[in-house]
Amino acid sequence: MAGTETIPARIHVLIARAAPYALIIRRGPSKHVCTIGWNLRDDTFQLGQWLKGRIYEYRCDLSPDGRHLIYFAMNGKWESETKGSWTAISRTPYLKALGLWAKGDCWNGGGLFADNRRYTINGAGGHQSLRTPPKLVHDEKAYVFHGMSECPGIYFTRLRRDGWQGDEPSRFRNIEEFDKPISVDWILRKRLHADLNHPPGKGVYYESHVLIHARSMHEIACPNWGWADVNKGHLLWAADGKIYRGEIDTEGHLKEQELTDLNDMTFEPIAAPY
């Protein structure tokens, strides 16, 4: 329709805790999503697989070595084996399930890795086990998801585990803030929003970011950043369907490098090599 604004690709990134590897979850249009491996050593990218459906990025995690992905997805095929929504464990950067648990609704689901072998499923009792991943073990005691059944329960736990500092989450606040140091001078602040009246192109849960000077508390707004993190002193972020790497100097000047543009991607069937 004339005058309709094009929404850039929506991007979320999972960074492995013990390896120079990340996984991009790229969504767009709304019912198409794909995974892309990101080698953080040389900033090269590898397309994984597409899914006609939705991956709930805030309920996902990578194993510390970056080899496995746990994710929660929904395609609405409620009469299928997976009951229309499911938790799965795959080998990165692909989605083909090594472990598979049917869910049937969008409460709970997803999970976190405690280490390279142990994982915790959010609301495991509400799933039907279809396939158990070889050499991996479910440990229901490794994480407690703050009693939250949707995205915040997992995402807040993951942020705190990965070095973000913030208050204990509350299911009643509309905005939660988490900070991560960039340098002695600058802090990255992530604001997690829960809003039924969310902006166009955002979901009920979304995030925004500001850079804060550690002494003066002066803020630099980053209005287009849909995801951001700090890795080995470097800022990494996604804005307008693109991935960037950058550094900020003492005076607040941001030196940025565009690494890849993920907007012009279309669905293609890809078989996993396993």
Protein backbone atom coordinates (compact mmCIF):
# COMPACT_ATOMS: atom_id res chain seq x y z
CA MET A 1 0.00 0.00 0.00
CA ALA A 2 1.34 3.44 -0.89
CA GLY A 3 2.91 5.22 2.02
CA THR A 4 3.49 2.06 4.07
CA GLU A 5 6.82 2.19 5.86
CA THR A 6 9.18 -0.72 5.25
CA ILE A 7 10.26 -2.36 8.49
CA PRO A 8 13.98 -3.31 8.50
CA ALA A 9 14.97 -6.85 9.39
CA ARG A 10 14.69 -7.45 13.12
CA ILE A 11 17.88 -8.82 14.63
CA HIS A 12 18.85 -10.42 17.90
CA VAL A 13 22.26 -11.96 18.64
CA LEU A 14 23.42 -14.66 21.04
CA ILE A 15 27.12 -14.56 21.97
CA ALA A 16 28.90 -17.69 23.17
CA ARG A 17 30.47 -17.29 26.60
CA ALA A 18 33.68 -19.22 25.92
CA ALA A 19 34.24 -19.02 22.17
CA PRO A 20 34.60 -16.28 19.52
CA TYR A 21 31.23 -17.15 18.04
CA ALA A 22 27.75 -15.67 17.92
CA LEU A 23 24.43 -16.63 16.37
CA ILE A 24 22.16 -14.09 14.71
CA ILE A 25 18.40 -14.59 14.73
CA ARG A 26 17.07 -12.54 11.82
CA ARG A 27 13.32 -11.99 11.39
CA GLY A 28 11.50 -10.49 8.46
CA PRO A 29 8.90 -10.55 7.09
CA SER A 30 7.12 -11.31 10.35
CA LYS A 31 6.49 -15.02 9.64
CA HIS A 32 9.96 -15.80 8.28
CA VAL A 33 13.06 -16.17 10.44
CA CYS A 34 16.57 -17.49 9.86
CA THR A 35 19.74 -18.16 11.82
CA ILE A 36 23.19 -16.93 10.80
CA GLY A 37 26.51 -17.93 12.36
CA TRP A 38 28.95 -15.10 13.11
CA ASN A 39 32.68 -15.77 13.50
CA LEU A 40 33.82 -13.00 15.85
CA ARG A 41 37.49 -13.51 14.96
CA ASP A 42 37.16 -12.36 11.37
CA ASP A 43 33.54 -11.10 11.19
CA THR A 44 32.47 -13.68 8.61
CA PHE A 45 28.93 -15.01 8.44
CA GLN A 46 27.33 -18.36 7.59
CA LEU A 47 23.65 -18.78 6.80
CA GLY A 48 22.04 -21.56 8.82
CA GLN A 49 18.39 -22.36 8.12
CA TRP A 50 15.07 -20.63 7.59
CA LEU A 51 11.83 -21.29 9.45
CA LYS A 52 8.35 -20.29 8.36
CA GLY A 53 7.20 -19.26 11.78
CA ARG A 54 8.54 -17.42 14.82
CA ILE A 55 11.56 -17.97 17.03
CA TYR A 56 11.23 -16.32 20.43
CA GLU A 57 14.71 -14.86 20.59
CA TYR A 58 14.54 -13.93 24.27
CA ARG A 59 14.02 -17.61 25.19
CA CYS A 60 17.12 -18.86 23.35
CA ASP A 61 20.71 -19.56 24.35
CA LEU A 62 24.04 -20.85 23.05
CA SER A 63 26.21 -23.39 24.81
CA PRO A 64 29.44 -21.79 26.08
CA ASP A 65 31.45 -23.31 23.21
CA GLY A 66 28.91 -22.01 20.67
CA ARG A 67 28.22 -25.47 19.26
CA HIS A 68 24.60 -25.86 20.32
CA LEU A 69 21.50 -23.66 20.28
CA ILE A 70 18.42 -24.08 22.45
CA TYR A 71 15.39 -22.23 21.12
CA PHE A 72 11.61 -21.90 21.36
CA ALA A 73 9.63 -21.65 18.12
CA MET A 74 6.04 -21.51 16.92
CA ASN A 75 4.50 -22.16 13.50
CA GLY A 76 0.84 -22.49 14.55
CA LYS A 77 0.40 -26.01 13.14
CA TRP A 78 -1.43 -27.13 16.25
CA GLU A 79 -2.34 -30.58 14.88
CA SER A 80 1.27 -31.46 14.00
CA GLU A 81 3.70 -33.61 15.97
CA THR A 82 5.20 -30.54 17.64
CA LYS A 83 1.70 -29.23 18.51
CA GLY A 84 2.40 -25.90 16.77
CA SER A 85 5.14 -24.74 19.18
CA TRP A 86 8.22 -26.45 20.51
CA THR A 87 11.55 -26.24 22.29
CA ALA A 88 14.52 -27.64 20.37
CA ILE A 89 18.27 -28.04 20.63
CA SER A 90 20.22 -27.85 17.36
CA ARG A 91 23.79 -27.68 16.14
CA THR A 92 24.74 -24.12 15.23
CA PRO A 93 24.11 -22.34 12.97
CA TYR A 94 21.26 -24.69 11.99
CA LEU A 95 17.75 -25.29 13.35
CA LYS A 96 17.35 -29.02 12.67
CA ALA A 97 16.47 -30.55 16.03
CA LEU A 98 18.84 -32.86 17.86
CA GLY A 99 16.52 -32.58 20.84
CA LEU A 100 12.82 -31.81 20.42
CA TRP A 101 10.00 -31.18 22.88
CA ALA A 102 6.44 -30.40 21.74
CA LYS A 103 4.73 -27.57 23.64
CA GLY A 104 1.31 -26.74 22.15
CA ASP A 105 1.11 -23.16 23.44
CA CYS A 106 3.40 -20.17 23.97
CA TRP A 107 3.79 -20.24 27.74
CA ASN A 108 7.25 -21.11 29.04
CA GLY A 109 9.46 -22.90 26.50
CA GLY A 110 13.07 -22.36 25.52
CA GLY A 111 15.88 -22.56 28.03
CA LEU A 112 19.51 -21.98 28.96
CA PHE A 113 22.77 -23.91 28.92
CA ALA A 114 24.50 -24.34 32.28
CA ASP A 115 27.63 -25.58 30.50
CA ASN A 116 28.49 -27.38 27.26
CA ARG A 117 26.68 -30.52 28.40
CA ARG A 118 23.86 -29.46 30.73
CA TYR A 119 20.77 -27.43 29.82
CA THR A 120 17.56 -26.35 31.54
CA ILE A 121 14.20 -26.17 29.75
CA ASN A 122 11.83 -23.45 30.90
CA GLY A 123 8.69 -25.23 32.08
CA ALA A 124 9.95 -28.68 31.14
CA GLY A 125 6.92 -30.37 32.69
CA GLY A 126 4.63 -28.74 30.14
CA HIS A 127 6.44 -30.29 27.18
CA GLN A 128 6.14 -33.67 25.47
CA SER A 129 9.55 -35.17 24.76
CA LEU A 130 9.91 -36.28 21.12
CA ARG A 131 13.69 -36.59 20.84
CA THR A 132 16.53 -36.46 23.37
CA PRO A 133 19.79 -34.81 22.26
CA PRO A 134 22.75 -37.21 22.39
CA LYS A 135 25.46 -36.53 24.99
CA LEU A 136 23.47 -33.64 26.51
CA VAL A 137 21.66 -33.76 29.85
CA HIS A 138 18.65 -31.85 31.17
CA ASP A 139 19.34 -30.31 34.59
CA GLU A 140 16.17 -28.76 35.96
CA LYS A 141 18.02 -27.29 38.97
CA ALA A 142 20.66 -25.31 37.07
CA TYR A 143 18.44 -22.23 36.62
CA VAL A 144 15.39 -20.68 38.23
CA PHE A 145 13.56 -18.37 35.85
CA HIS A 146 12.14 -15.92 38.43
CA GLY A 147 8.68 -17.50 38.16
CA MET A 148 8.08 -15.77 34.83
CA SER A 149 6.50 -17.88 32.11
CA GLU A 150 7.30 -15.71 29.08
CA CYS A 151 10.42 -14.05 27.65
CA PRO A 152 11.67 -12.02 30.66
CA GLY A 153 12.18 -15.08 32.84
CA ILE A 154 14.84 -16.49 30.54
CA TYR A 155 16.27 -13.28 29.09
CA PHE A 156 16.82 -11.53 32.41
CA THR A 157 18.53 -14.64 33.76
CA ARG A 158 20.76 -14.87 30.68
CA LEU A 159 21.74 -11.18 30.90
CA ARG A 160 22.74 -11.44 34.54
CA ARG A 161 24.69 -14.63 33.88
CA ASP A 162 26.59 -12.94 31.04
CA GLY A 163 27.83 -9.94 32.98
CA TRP A 164 24.97 -7.45 32.85
CA GLN A 165 24.14 -5.70 36.11
CA GLY A 166 20.60 -4.83 37.08
CA ASP A 167 17.99 -5.06 39.80
CA GLU A 168 16.16 -8.29 40.44
CA PRO A 169 13.44 -8.34 37.76
CA SER A 170 9.81 -7.69 38.62
CA ARG A 171 6.90 -8.91 36.54
CA PHE A 172 5.12 -5.64 37.28
CA ARG A 173 7.57 -3.07 35.85
CA ASN A 174 7.22 -2.00 32.22
CA ILE A 175 10.94 -1.18 31.85
CA GLU A 176 13.93 -2.99 33.33
CA GLU A 177 17.48 -1.63 33.01
CA PHE A 178 20.73 -3.58 32.76
CA ASP A 179 24.25 -2.10 32.51
CA LYS A 180 27.49 -3.50 31.10
CA PRO A 181 30.84 -1.66 31.23
CA ILE A 182 32.49 -0.86 27.90
CA SER A 183 35.58 0.83 29.36
CA VAL A 184 36.53 2.86 32.43
CA ASP A 185 34.70 5.79 30.82
CA TRP A 186 31.57 4.32 29.26
CA ILE A 187 28.68 2.01 30.10
CA LEU A 188 26.16 0.38 27.77
CA ARG A 189 22.66 0.48 29.24
CA LYS A 190 20.02 -1.89 27.91
CA ARG A 191 16.38 -1.06 28.62
CA LEU A 192 13.95 -3.96 28.34
CA HIS A 193 10.40 -2.87 27.54
CA ALA A 194 7.14 -4.76 28.03
CA ASP A 195 4.45 -2.82 26.18
CA LEU A 196 1.23 -3.94 24.52
CA ASN A 197 1.23 -0.60 22.66
CA HIS A 198 4.68 -1.19 21.22
CA PRO A 199 6.18 0.81 18.31
CA PRO A 200 5.81 -0.47 14.73
CA GLY A 201 8.22 -3.32 14.02
CA LYS A 202 8.60 -4.18 17.71
CA GLY A 203 7.04 -6.97 19.73
CA VAL A 204 5.51 -6.81 23.18
CA TYR A 205 9.04 -7.33 24.51
CA TYR A 206 11.78 -5.22 22.96
CA GLU A 207 14.91 -3.33 23.98
CA SER A 208 16.48 0.08 23.57
CA HIS A 209 19.97 1.35 24.38
CA VAL A 210 21.95 4.35 25.58
CA LEU A 211 25.65 4.96 26.18
CA ILE A 212 26.37 6.50 29.59
CA HIS A 213 29.55 8.28 30.71
CA ALA A 214 30.63 6.54 33.92
CA ARG A 215 31.48 9.75 35.80
CA SER A 216 29.27 12.51 34.44
CA MET A 217 26.35 10.14 33.68
CA HIS A 218 25.89 11.97 30.39
CA GLU A 219 23.77 9.87 28.04
CA ILE A 220 24.13 9.32 24.31
CA ALA A 221 20.91 7.95 22.85
CA CYS A 222 21.11 5.12 20.32
CA PRO A 223 17.53 5.19 19.02
CA ASN A 224 17.95 2.70 16.17
CA TRP A 225 19.81 0.00 18.09
CA GLY A 226 17.54 -3.04 18.39
CA TRP A 227 20.23 -5.18 20.05
CA ALA A 228 23.65 -4.38 21.51
CA ASP A 229 26.34 -6.01 23.64
CA VAL A 230 29.99 -5.65 24.62
CA ASN A 231 32.52 -8.29 23.58
CA LYS A 232 36.19 -8.00 24.55
CA GLY A 233 35.99 -4.21 24.80
CA HIS A 234 34.20 -3.78 21.47
CA LEU A 235 30.65 -2.55 21.02
CA LEU A 236 28.52 -4.79 18.83
CA TRP A 237 25.05 -3.72 17.77
CA ALA A 238 22.22 -4.15 15.27
CA ALA A 239 20.42 -1.19 13.72
CA ASP A 240 18.10 -0.92 10.73
CA GLY A 241 18.71 -4.53 9.72
CA LYS A 242 22.52 -4.22 9.80
CA ILE A 243 25.28 -5.45 12.12
CA TYR A 244 27.97 -3.08 13.39
CA ARG A 245 31.19 -3.19 15.39
CA GLY A 246 32.55 -0.04 17.04
CA GLU A 247 34.55 1.71 19.73
CA ILE A 248 33.82 4.82 21.75
CA ASP A 249 36.62 7.14 22.84
CA THR A 250 36.92 9.17 26.03
CA GLU A 251 35.10 12.14 24.50
CA GLY A 252 32.16 10.05 23.35
CA HIS A 253 33.00 9.84 19.66
CA LEU A 254 31.77 6.54 18.25
CA LYS A 255 33.87 4.90 15.54
CA GLU A 256 31.68 2.39 13.76
CA GLN A 257 32.12 -0.27 11.08
CA GLU A 258 29.22 -1.83 9.22
CA LEU A 259 29.83 -5.58 9.03
CA THR A 260 26.83 -6.84 7.07
CA ASP A 261 23.42 -5.77 5.79
CA LEU A 262 20.77 -8.45 6.40
CA ASN A 263 17.78 -6.66 4.91
CA ASP A 264 17.74 -8.14 1.41
CA MET A 265 17.32 -11.77 2.39
CA THR A 266 14.50 -14.06 1.30
CA PHE A 267 13.38 -17.50 2.38
CA GLU A 268 15.21 -20.45 0.90
CA PRO A 269 15.01 -24.12 1.90
CA ILE A 270 18.34 -25.29 3.31
CA ALA A 271 19.14 -28.78 4.58
CA ALA A 272 21.31 -29.12 7.67
CA PRO A 273 24.47 -31.22 7.09
CA TYR A 274 23.60 -33.66 9.87
